[in-house]
Protein backbone atom coordinates (compact mmCIF):
# COMPACT_ATOMS: atom_id res chain seq x y z
CA UNK A 1 15.15 -16.34 42.91
CA UNK A 2 12.48 -13.45 42.93
CA UNK A 3 13.71 -10.48 41.34
CA UNK A 4 12.76 -7.23 42.20
CA UNK A 5 9.63 -6.13 40.16
CA UNK A 6 10.87 -2.87 40.45
CA UNK A 7 13.54 -0.36 42.26
CA UNK A 8 12.40 2.98 43.17
CA UNK A 9 13.20 6.26 45.54
CA UNK A 10 12.21 5.52 48.48
CA UNK A 11 9.12 7.54 49.54
CA UNK A 12 7.52 8.95 52.63
CA UNK A 13 4.37 7.67 51.35
CA UNK A 14 5.75 4.38 52.31
CA UNK A 15 7.18 5.26 55.42
CA UNK A 16 4.85 2.96 57.61
CA UNK A 17 5.80 0.14 55.41
CA UNK A 18 9.17 0.74 56.10
CA UNK A 19 8.81 0.92 59.63
CA UNK A 20 7.02 -2.61 59.40
CA UNK A 21 9.82 -4.06 57.26
CA UNK A 22 12.53 -2.64 59.63
CA UNK A 23 11.00 -3.71 63.12
CA UNK A 24 10.45 -7.24 61.31
CA UNK A 25 13.53 -7.35 59.77
CA UNK A 26 15.87 -6.65 62.60
CA UNK A 27 14.16 -9.06 65.08
CA UNK A 28 15.32 -11.90 62.98
CA UNK A 29 18.78 -12.86 62.52
CA UNK A 30 21.64 -11.99 63.46
CA UNK A 31 20.44 -9.17 65.33
CA UNK A 32 17.38 -9.97 67.68
CA UNK A 33 16.37 -6.50 68.26
CA UNK A 34 13.51 -5.76 69.98
CA UNK A 35 11.99 -2.81 67.76
CA UNK A 36 8.39 -1.93 67.56
CA UNK A 37 6.85 -0.80 64.54
CA UNK A 38 6.52 2.82 66.00
CA UNK A 39 9.96 3.04 67.04
CA UNK A 40 11.12 1.82 63.43
CA UNK A 41 9.25 4.24 61.94
CA UNK A 42 10.40 6.97 63.47
CA UNK A 43 13.73 5.54 62.55
CA UNK A 44 13.23 5.65 59.18
CA UNK A 45 11.50 8.51 59.16
CA UNK A 46 14.65 10.35 60.77
CA UNK A 47 16.70 9.14 57.72
CA UNK A 48 14.30 9.96 55.17
CA UNK A 49 13.98 13.62 56.23
CA UNK A 50 17.60 14.12 56.35
CA UNK A 51 18.75 16.50 53.31
CA UNK A 52 21.66 14.29 52.53
CA UNK A 53 19.41 11.18 52.28
CA UNK A 54 19.43 8.59 49.25
CA UNK A 55 17.33 5.63 49.54
CA UNK A 56 15.87 2.72 47.50
CA UNK A 57 12.76 0.33 47.71
CA UNK A 58 12.17 -2.66 46.14
CA UNK A 59 8.72 -3.49 44.98
CA UNK A 60 7.37 -7.45 44.07
CA UNK A 61 3.99 -8.06 42.93
CA UNK A 62 2.70 -4.75 43.84
CA UNK A 63 4.10 -4.94 47.47
CA UNK A 64 7.79 -2.98 49.22
CA UNK A 65 9.63 -5.82 49.84
CA UNK A 66 12.57 -3.82 51.53
CA UNK A 67 14.45 -0.76 51.51
CA UNK A 68 17.68 0.66 51.68
CA UNK A 69 18.75 3.89 53.11
CA UNK A 70 22.02 5.98 53.93
CA UNK A 71 23.50 9.68 54.14
CA UNK A 72 26.10 11.42 52.14
CA UNK A 73 28.52 13.29 54.09
CA UNK A 74 31.32 15.78 52.47
CA UNK A 75 34.90 15.42 54.11
CA UNK A 76 37.94 17.02 52.75
CA UNK A 77 39.16 14.30 50.28
CA UNK A 78 35.03 14.08 48.89
CA UNK A 79 31.69 13.32 49.79
CA UNK A 80 31.30 10.07 51.26
CA UNK A 81 28.30 7.47 51.87
CA UNK A 82 27.09 5.63 54.81
CA UNK A 83 24.57 2.65 54.35
CA UNK A 84 22.47 3.44 57.84
CA UNK A 85 19.86 0.33 56.81
CA UNK A 86 19.45 -2.15 54.40
CA UNK A 87 15.66 -4.16 55.29
CA UNK A 88 14.32 -6.82 53.68
CA UNK A 89 11.03 -8.16 54.64
CA UNK A 90 11.28 -11.65 56.34
CA UNK A 91 9.06 -13.44 53.93
CA UNK A 92 11.12 -11.81 51.00
CA UNK A 93 14.57 -12.51 52.49
CA UNK A 94 17.52 -15.17 50.45
CA UNK A 95 15.86 -14.20 47.01
CA UNK A 96 18.64 -11.78 45.88
CA UNK A 97 16.47 -8.65 46.57
CA UNK A 98 18.91 -7.11 49.13
CA UNK A 99 22.29 -7.59 46.81
CA UNK A 100 19.82 -5.75 43.58
CA UNK A 101 18.95 -2.96 46.09
CA UNK A 102 22.82 -2.95 47.29
CA UNK A 103 23.97 -3.26 43.64
CA UNK A 104 21.84 -0.41 42.48
CA UNK A 105 22.88 1.99 45.46
CA UNK A 106 26.41 1.55 44.78
CA UNK A 107 25.78 2.37 41.29
CA UNK A 108 23.79 5.56 41.75
CA UNK A 109 26.18 6.49 44.26
CA UNK A 110 29.37 6.13 42.13
CA UNK A 111 27.62 8.20 39.28
CA UNK A 112 27.12 10.86 41.69
CA UNK A 113 30.74 11.31 42.65
CA UNK A 114 30.65 9.45 46.02
CA UNK A 115 34.37 8.91 46.55
CA UNK A 116 33.84 6.20 49.49
CA UNK A 117 31.30 4.13 51.32
CA UNK A 118 30.85 2.93 55.29
CA UNK A 119 28.20 1.02 56.73
CA UNK A 120 28.50 -0.77 60.28
CA UNK A 121 27.43 -4.59 60.48
CA UNK A 122 26.97 -7.25 63.09
CA UNK A 123 30.18 -9.05 63.37
CA UNK A 124 28.84 -12.57 62.92
CA UNK A 125 26.77 -14.63 60.82
CA UNK A 126 27.00 -14.13 56.75
CA UNK A 127 26.74 -10.29 57.12
CA UNK A 128 30.28 -9.71 56.69
CA UNK A 129 30.42 -12.37 53.79
CA UNK A 130 27.45 -10.52 52.25
CA UNK A 131 29.45 -7.21 52.09
CA UNK A 132 32.45 -8.49 50.87
CA UNK A 133 31.04 -9.64 47.92
CA UNK A 134 30.53 -5.69 46.97
CA UNK A 135 34.02 -5.20 48.20
CA UNK A 136 33.69 -4.41 51.57
CA UNK A 137 36.23 -4.97 54.03
CA UNK A 138 37.04 -4.45 57.73
CA UNK A 139 38.26 -1.10 58.32
CA UNK A 140 41.49 -1.02 60.28
CA UNK A 141 42.33 2.52 60.80
CA UNK A 142 39.32 3.35 62.83
CA UNK A 143 36.95 2.08 65.30
CA UNK A 144 33.41 2.30 66.68
CA UNK A 145 33.26 3.52 69.84
CA UNK A 146 30.17 3.68 72.60
CA UNK A 147 29.29 5.39 75.36
C-alpha cells in the first residue's frame, strides 16, 4: 500500500493536475462519466474559487496523486461540510490514498467545529461501503431530487 508522501492544502497552482485527475478518475468505475480535462478543470476551479472551500491534495514521489474538495455552509444548527469531490489518479487507486485524504479532511473539519458532513455518491459498487467505514450512512430524512 502506497502512503501519501505528503498531504497539503489544495492550491490553484495545481489546478490543471486536479482537472486531469478528475477527468481520468471519473471516467472509470463506477461512474463512467465522459469528462473532458477542460471541463473537469473548470469544475475544480469553481470549487476552489468558493469562499467556503476546503481541499487537500496527496503528493506521492513529487506527483499529485489525488485530492479531496468540499464546501461548508451555515445552517441554523451549525456549519456543515459537503464533500464535493474525492478523486485519485487511476494509477494510484486502491492504495489507501483516498482513505488518508478522507480521514485528514474529516479530522480537520471536526477541529474547525463542523457539526455535520454530507456527500453524494453512486449507489452501486464499492462506494457505499467505502464511505460507511467512516460512519456515513444513507440518509432517510431527505432525498436528492433533480430535473
